[in-house]
Amino acid sequence: MKFLIACALVLTVVAAEDVLVTKDDNFDFTKVSHDELTAVAMCFMNQGPCNDLMLSYKQHYPGAIIDACKRCNDTQKKLSKVYFGRLQKELPDVYHQLRKHMDPENKYFSKFLVAIDLSE
């Protein structure tokens, strides 16, 4: 019985570690200016400063791109959809620069976009 409890605890810890944890999953990218959207992209591309919140996103995006956001929760997927969707429509040059930075060989980004329910 103790063995089963120990196994359950280990599985709970492993499952908890398999989810992305960011500083704030409720940030509203619908309300930020074009300058702020660009500043976030510059942070992600190591071309500008990052605040604590953007650093928490930046540390997870490489893995999220590669694994098509498998460890993202629904709120994180929505947040990504809003951010990348706004970049696509409103700042396409910045979007393409960021996409190239995050996936230079263009191997993963299309699957990431499908995972966050965003078309190319």
N, C-alpha and C. Protein backbone atom coordinates (compact mmCIF):
# COMPACT_ATOMS: atom_id res chain seq x y z
N MET A 1 0.83 -1.19 0.00
CA MET A 1 0.00 0.00 0.00
C MET A 1 0.87 1.25 0.00
N LYS A 2 1.92 1.25 0.83
CA LYS A 2 2.82 2.41 0.87
C LYS A 2 3.48 2.61 -0.49
N PHE A 3 3.78 1.51 -1.15
CA PHE A 3 4.41 1.59 -2.48
C PHE A 3 3.47 2.28 -3.46
N LEU A 4 2.18 1.92 -3.44
CA LEU A 4 1.21 2.53 -4.34
C LEU A 4 1.05 4.02 -4.07
N ILE A 5 1.05 4.40 -2.82
CA ILE A 5 0.97 5.82 -2.47
C ILE A 5 2.20 6.56 -2.96
N ALA A 6 3.37 5.97 -2.78
CA ALA A 6 4.61 6.59 -3.25
C ALA A 6 4.59 6.74 -4.77
N CYS A 7 4.12 5.72 -5.48
CA CYS A 7 4.03 5.79 -6.94
C CYS A 7 3.07 6.90 -7.38
N ALA A 8 1.94 7.01 -6.69
CA ALA A 8 0.97 8.04 -7.02
C ALA A 8 1.56 9.43 -6.81
N LEU A 9 2.32 9.61 -5.74
CA LEU A 9 2.96 10.90 -5.48
C LEU A 9 3.99 11.23 -6.56
N VAL A 10 4.78 10.25 -6.96
CA VAL A 10 5.77 10.47 -8.00
C VAL A 10 5.09 10.84 -9.31
N LEU A 11 4.04 10.14 -9.67
CA LEU A 11 3.32 10.45 -10.90
C LEU A 11 2.70 11.84 -10.86
N THR A 12 2.22 12.26 -9.70
CA THR A 12 1.65 13.60 -9.55
C THR A 12 2.72 14.65 -9.76
N VAL A 13 3.89 14.45 -9.18
CA VAL A 13 4.99 15.40 -9.35
C VAL A 13 5.44 15.44 -10.81
N VAL A 14 5.58 14.30 -11.44
CA VAL A 14 5.99 14.26 -12.85
C VAL A 14 4.95 14.96 -13.71
N ALA A 15 3.68 14.70 -13.48
CA ALA A 15 2.62 15.33 -14.27
C ALA A 15 2.63 16.83 -14.06
N ALA A 16 2.85 17.29 -12.83
CA ALA A 16 2.88 18.72 -12.55
C ALA A 16 4.05 19.39 -13.26
N GLU A 17 5.18 18.70 -13.38
CA GLU A 17 6.35 19.27 -14.03
C GLU A 17 6.20 19.27 -15.55
N ASP A 18 5.24 18.53 -16.06
CA ASP A 18 5.06 18.42 -17.50
C ASP A 18 4.17 19.53 -18.07
N VAL A 19 3.79 20.49 -17.24
CA VAL A 19 2.97 21.62 -17.66
C VAL A 19 3.80 22.88 -17.57
N LEU A 20 3.66 23.75 -18.57
CA LEU A 20 4.41 25.00 -18.55
C LEU A 20 3.87 25.92 -17.46
N VAL A 21 4.76 26.53 -16.72
CA VAL A 21 4.37 27.46 -15.67
C VAL A 21 4.97 28.82 -16.01
N THR A 22 4.09 29.80 -16.19
CA THR A 22 4.53 31.16 -16.48
C THR A 22 4.10 32.07 -15.34
N LYS A 23 4.60 33.28 -15.37
CA LYS A 23 4.32 34.22 -14.29
C LYS A 23 2.86 34.67 -14.27
N ASP A 24 2.24 34.82 -15.44
CA ASP A 24 0.84 35.27 -15.51
C ASP A 24 0.22 34.80 -16.82
N ASP A 25 -0.63 33.80 -16.75
CA ASP A 25 -1.29 33.29 -17.95
C ASP A 25 -2.48 34.14 -18.37
N ASN A 26 -2.77 35.18 -17.63
CA ASN A 26 -3.94 36.00 -17.93
C ASN A 26 -3.59 37.37 -18.50
N PHE A 27 -2.37 37.54 -18.96
CA PHE A 27 -1.97 38.80 -19.58
C PHE A 27 -2.82 39.02 -20.83
N ASP A 28 -3.26 40.25 -21.05
CA ASP A 28 -4.17 40.53 -22.15
C ASP A 28 -3.45 41.24 -23.29
N PHE A 29 -3.05 40.46 -24.30
CA PHE A 29 -2.35 41.03 -25.45
C PHE A 29 -3.30 41.80 -26.37
N THR A 30 -4.60 41.73 -26.14
CA THR A 30 -5.53 42.50 -26.97
C THR A 30 -5.46 43.98 -26.64
N LYS A 31 -4.92 44.32 -25.49
CA LYS A 31 -4.94 45.72 -25.04
C LYS A 31 -3.58 46.41 -25.12
N VAL A 32 -2.60 45.78 -25.74
CA VAL A 32 -1.29 46.42 -25.81
C VAL A 32 -1.10 47.07 -27.18
N SER A 33 -0.28 48.10 -27.20
CA SER A 33 -0.02 48.85 -28.43
C SER A 33 0.91 48.09 -29.36
N HIS A 34 1.02 48.59 -30.57
CA HIS A 34 1.98 48.00 -31.53
C HIS A 34 3.40 48.10 -31.00
N ASP A 35 3.71 49.20 -30.34
CA ASP A 35 5.06 49.34 -29.76
C ASP A 35 5.32 48.26 -28.71
N GLU A 36 4.31 47.98 -27.91
CA GLU A 36 4.47 46.95 -26.87
C GLU A 36 4.57 45.55 -27.49
N LEU A 37 3.78 45.28 -28.53
CA LEU A 37 3.88 43.98 -29.22
C LEU A 37 5.28 43.81 -29.80
N THR A 38 5.80 44.87 -30.39
CA THR A 38 7.14 44.83 -30.97
C THR A 38 8.18 44.64 -29.88
N ALA A 39 8.01 45.31 -28.75
CA ALA A 39 8.96 45.19 -27.64
C ALA A 39 9.02 43.75 -27.12
N VAL A 40 7.89 43.08 -27.08
CA VAL A 40 7.86 41.68 -26.65
C VAL A 40 8.65 40.83 -27.65
N ALA A 41 8.42 41.06 -28.94
CA ALA A 41 9.16 40.31 -29.96
C ALA A 41 10.66 40.57 -29.85
N MET A 42 11.03 41.81 -29.62
CA MET A 42 12.46 42.15 -29.48
C MET A 42 13.05 41.44 -28.26
N CYS A 43 12.29 41.36 -27.18
CA CYS A 43 12.72 40.61 -25.99
C CYS A 43 12.96 39.16 -26.37
N PHE A 44 11.99 38.55 -27.06
CA PHE A 44 12.10 37.13 -27.43
C PHE A 44 13.28 36.88 -28.36
N MET A 45 13.64 37.89 -29.17
CA MET A 45 14.75 37.73 -30.13
C MET A 45 16.08 38.23 -29.57
N ASN A 46 16.12 38.55 -28.28
CA ASN A 46 17.34 39.04 -27.62
C ASN A 46 17.82 40.36 -28.22
N GLN A 47 16.89 41.17 -28.67
CA GLN A 47 17.23 42.46 -29.25
C GLN A 47 16.68 43.62 -28.44
N GLY A 48 16.13 43.33 -27.30
CA GLY A 48 15.57 44.37 -26.44
C GLY A 48 15.41 43.84 -25.03
N PRO A 49 15.10 44.75 -24.11
CA PRO A 49 14.96 44.34 -22.71
C PRO A 49 13.70 43.50 -22.50
N CYS A 50 13.74 42.68 -21.45
CA CYS A 50 12.60 41.84 -21.07
C CYS A 50 12.23 42.13 -19.62
N ASN A 51 10.94 42.30 -19.37
CA ASN A 51 10.53 42.39 -17.96
C ASN A 51 10.34 40.95 -17.44
N ASP A 52 10.03 40.83 -16.16
CA ASP A 52 9.91 39.49 -15.55
C ASP A 52 8.84 38.64 -16.23
N LEU A 53 7.71 39.26 -16.57
CA LEU A 53 6.63 38.52 -17.21
C LEU A 53 7.07 37.97 -18.56
N MET A 54 7.68 38.82 -19.38
CA MET A 54 8.10 38.37 -20.70
C MET A 54 9.23 37.33 -20.61
N LEU A 55 10.08 37.45 -19.60
CA LEU A 55 11.10 36.42 -19.40
C LEU A 55 10.47 35.07 -19.09
N SER A 56 9.36 35.09 -18.33
CA SER A 56 8.70 33.82 -18.01
C SER A 56 8.11 33.18 -19.26
N TYR A 57 7.63 33.99 -20.21
CA TYR A 57 7.15 33.44 -21.48
C TYR A 57 8.31 33.01 -22.35
N LYS A 58 9.32 33.86 -22.42
CA LYS A 58 10.47 33.60 -23.29
C LYS A 58 11.16 32.28 -22.98
N GLN A 59 11.24 31.92 -21.73
CA GLN A 59 11.94 30.68 -21.37
C GLN A 59 11.20 29.44 -21.85
N HIS A 60 9.90 29.56 -22.09
CA HIS A 60 9.12 28.39 -22.50
C HIS A 60 8.85 28.30 -24.00
N TYR A 61 8.93 29.43 -24.71
CA TYR A 61 8.56 29.39 -26.12
C TYR A 61 9.40 28.45 -26.98
N PRO A 62 10.69 28.34 -26.78
CA PRO A 62 11.43 27.39 -27.64
C PRO A 62 10.87 25.97 -27.56
N GLY A 63 10.62 25.49 -26.36
CA GLY A 63 10.06 24.15 -26.20
C GLY A 63 8.63 24.07 -26.70
N ALA A 64 7.86 25.12 -26.48
CA ALA A 64 6.46 25.13 -26.93
C ALA A 64 6.38 25.10 -28.45
N ILE A 65 7.31 25.75 -29.11
CA ILE A 65 7.33 25.74 -30.57
C ILE A 65 7.69 24.32 -31.05
N ILE A 66 8.71 23.74 -30.46
CA ILE A 66 9.18 22.42 -30.90
C ILE A 66 8.14 21.33 -30.66
N ASP A 67 7.48 21.36 -29.50
CA ASP A 67 6.53 20.27 -29.21
C ASP A 67 5.07 20.65 -29.51
N ALA A 68 4.90 21.71 -30.31
CA ALA A 68 3.55 22.15 -30.73
C ALA A 68 2.64 22.40 -29.53
N CYS A 69 3.22 23.01 -28.51
CA CYS A 69 2.47 23.45 -27.33
C CYS A 69 1.77 22.30 -26.60
N LYS A 70 2.37 21.13 -26.61
CA LYS A 70 1.78 19.97 -25.93
C LYS A 70 1.67 20.19 -24.42
N ARG A 71 2.58 20.96 -23.85
CA ARG A 71 2.57 21.18 -22.40
C ARG A 71 1.86 22.47 -22.02
N CYS A 72 1.32 23.18 -23.01
CA CYS A 72 0.59 24.42 -22.74
C CYS A 72 -0.81 24.11 -22.23
N ASN A 73 -1.28 24.91 -21.30
CA ASN A 73 -2.67 24.78 -20.91
C ASN A 73 -3.53 25.60 -21.88
N ASP A 74 -4.84 25.50 -21.77
CA ASP A 74 -5.73 26.19 -22.71
C ASP A 74 -5.54 27.71 -22.68
N THR A 75 -5.32 28.26 -21.51
CA THR A 75 -5.12 29.70 -21.38
C THR A 75 -3.83 30.14 -22.08
N GLN A 76 -2.78 29.35 -21.94
CA GLN A 76 -1.52 29.67 -22.61
C GLN A 76 -1.66 29.59 -24.13
N LYS A 77 -2.43 28.63 -24.60
CA LYS A 77 -2.68 28.53 -26.05
C LYS A 77 -3.44 29.75 -26.55
N LYS A 78 -4.43 30.17 -25.79
CA LYS A 78 -5.21 31.35 -26.18
C LYS A 78 -4.32 32.60 -26.18
N LEU A 79 -3.50 32.73 -25.16
CA LEU A 79 -2.58 33.87 -25.07
C LEU A 79 -1.64 33.89 -26.27
N SER A 80 -1.11 32.74 -26.63
CA SER A 80 -0.22 32.64 -27.79
C SER A 80 -0.97 32.97 -29.08
N LYS A 81 -2.19 32.48 -29.18
CA LYS A 81 -2.99 32.76 -30.37
C LYS A 81 -3.23 34.26 -30.54
N VAL A 82 -3.55 34.93 -29.47
CA VAL A 82 -3.79 36.37 -29.54
C VAL A 82 -2.51 37.10 -29.91
N TYR A 83 -1.41 36.76 -29.24
CA TYR A 83 -0.15 37.47 -29.51
C TYR A 83 0.32 37.25 -30.95
N PHE A 84 0.45 35.99 -31.35
CA PHE A 84 0.96 35.70 -32.70
C PHE A 84 -0.05 36.12 -33.77
N GLY A 85 -1.33 36.02 -33.48
CA GLY A 85 -2.35 36.46 -34.42
C GLY A 85 -2.29 37.96 -34.67
N ARG A 86 -2.11 38.73 -33.59
CA ARG A 86 -1.98 40.18 -33.77
C ARG A 86 -0.72 40.51 -34.55
N LEU A 87 0.39 39.82 -34.25
CA LEU A 87 1.61 40.07 -35.00
C LEU A 87 1.39 39.78 -36.49
N GLN A 88 0.78 38.64 -36.79
CA GLN A 88 0.53 38.26 -38.19
C GLN A 88 -0.23 39.35 -38.93
N LYS A 89 -1.31 39.83 -38.34
CA LYS A 89 -2.21 40.76 -39.01
C LYS A 89 -1.73 42.21 -38.96
N GLU A 90 -1.20 42.62 -37.83
CA GLU A 90 -0.91 44.03 -37.62
C GLU A 90 0.55 44.40 -37.82
N LEU A 91 1.46 43.46 -37.60
CA LEU A 91 2.89 43.73 -37.72
C LEU A 91 3.57 42.55 -38.43
N PRO A 92 3.23 42.30 -39.69
CA PRO A 92 3.73 41.11 -40.38
C PRO A 92 5.26 41.05 -40.48
N ASP A 93 5.92 42.17 -40.61
CA ASP A 93 7.39 42.14 -40.67
C ASP A 93 7.99 41.64 -39.36
N VAL A 94 7.45 42.13 -38.25
CA VAL A 94 7.92 41.69 -36.93
C VAL A 94 7.59 40.21 -36.74
N TYR A 95 6.39 39.80 -37.17
CA TYR A 95 5.99 38.40 -37.06
C TYR A 95 6.99 37.50 -37.79
N HIS A 96 7.33 37.84 -39.02
CA HIS A 96 8.24 37.00 -39.81
C HIS A 96 9.65 36.97 -39.21
N GLN A 97 10.10 38.09 -38.66
CA GLN A 97 11.40 38.12 -37.99
C GLN A 97 11.39 37.19 -36.77
N LEU A 98 10.34 37.29 -35.98
CA LEU A 98 10.25 36.47 -34.77
C LEU A 98 10.12 35.00 -35.13
N ARG A 99 9.31 34.70 -36.10
CA ARG A 99 9.14 33.31 -36.53
C ARG A 99 10.47 32.73 -37.00
N LYS A 100 11.20 33.49 -37.79
CA LYS A 100 12.51 33.02 -38.29
C LYS A 100 13.49 32.83 -37.12
N HIS A 101 13.43 33.72 -36.14
CA HIS A 101 14.30 33.60 -34.96
C HIS A 101 13.95 32.34 -34.16
N MET A 102 12.65 32.10 -33.96
CA MET A 102 12.22 30.98 -33.12
C MET A 102 12.35 29.63 -33.83
N ASP A 103 12.28 29.63 -35.15
CA ASP A 103 12.33 28.38 -35.92
C ASP A 103 13.09 28.63 -37.22
N PRO A 104 14.41 28.79 -37.13
CA PRO A 104 15.21 29.17 -38.31
C PRO A 104 15.11 28.20 -39.48
N GLU A 105 14.87 26.93 -39.20
CA GLU A 105 14.78 25.94 -40.28
C GLU A 105 13.34 25.70 -40.73
N ASN A 106 12.41 26.43 -40.13
CA ASN A 106 10.99 26.32 -40.47
C ASN A 106 10.48 24.88 -40.38
N LYS A 107 10.84 24.20 -39.29
CA LYS A 107 10.45 22.80 -39.10
C LYS A 107 9.27 22.63 -38.14
N TYR A 108 9.06 23.59 -37.26
CA TYR A 108 8.13 23.38 -36.15
C TYR A 108 6.98 24.39 -36.09
N PHE A 109 7.17 25.57 -36.62
CA PHE A 109 6.23 26.66 -36.36
C PHE A 109 4.83 26.39 -36.91
N SER A 110 4.73 25.76 -38.06
CA SER A 110 3.41 25.47 -38.62
C SER A 110 2.59 24.59 -37.70
N LYS A 111 3.21 23.58 -37.10
CA LYS A 111 2.50 22.70 -36.16
C LYS A 111 2.13 23.44 -34.89
N PHE A 112 3.00 24.36 -34.47
CA PHE A 112 2.69 25.20 -33.31
C PHE A 112 1.44 26.04 -33.59
N LEU A 113 1.38 26.64 -34.77
CA LEU A 113 0.22 27.46 -35.12
C LEU A 113 -1.07 26.64 -35.13
N VAL A 114 -1.01 25.42 -35.64
CA VAL A 114 -2.19 24.54 -35.62
C VAL A 114 -2.59 24.26 -34.17
N ALA A 115 -1.61 24.02 -33.32
CA ALA A 115 -1.89 23.69 -31.91
C ALA A 115 -2.58 24.84 -31.18
N ILE A 116 -2.26 26.07 -31.57
CA ILE A 116 -2.88 27.23 -30.90
C ILE A 116 -4.08 27.75 -31.70
N ASP A 117 -4.49 26.96 -32.72
CA ASP A 117 -5.67 27.26 -33.53
C ASP A 117 -5.52 28.58 -34.30
N LEU A 118 -4.36 28.70 -34.95
CA LEU A 118 -4.08 29.88 -35.75
C LEU A 118 -3.58 29.43 -37.11
N SER A 119 -4.08 30.03 -38.15
CA SER A 119 -3.65 29.63 -39.49
C SER A 119 -2.46 30.49 -39.92
N GLU A 120 -1.81 30.04 -40.98
CA GLU A 120 -0.61 30.75 -41.45
C GLU A 120 -0.99 31.93 -42.24
